[in-house]
């Protein structure tokens, strides 16, 4: 049963809290959320590039700094 949320009346924080609740619920049973075929193909390609040494990896702090620099 789908219930409507009063989105127009909700604050941003309330909307984010609802999204977090939904995400937590979905995470509790990952097997119930199928992965699409296109996603498996992308992951297989990335795995192959990593095995062949063609991928570059950054530590998390460097990656966050790079993202912040691109956004500012």
Foldseek 3Di string as FASTA:
>chain_A
DDDDDPVVPDDPVVVVVVVVVVVVVCVVCVVVPDDDPVVVVVVVVVVVCVVVVNDDDDPPVVVVVVVVVVVD
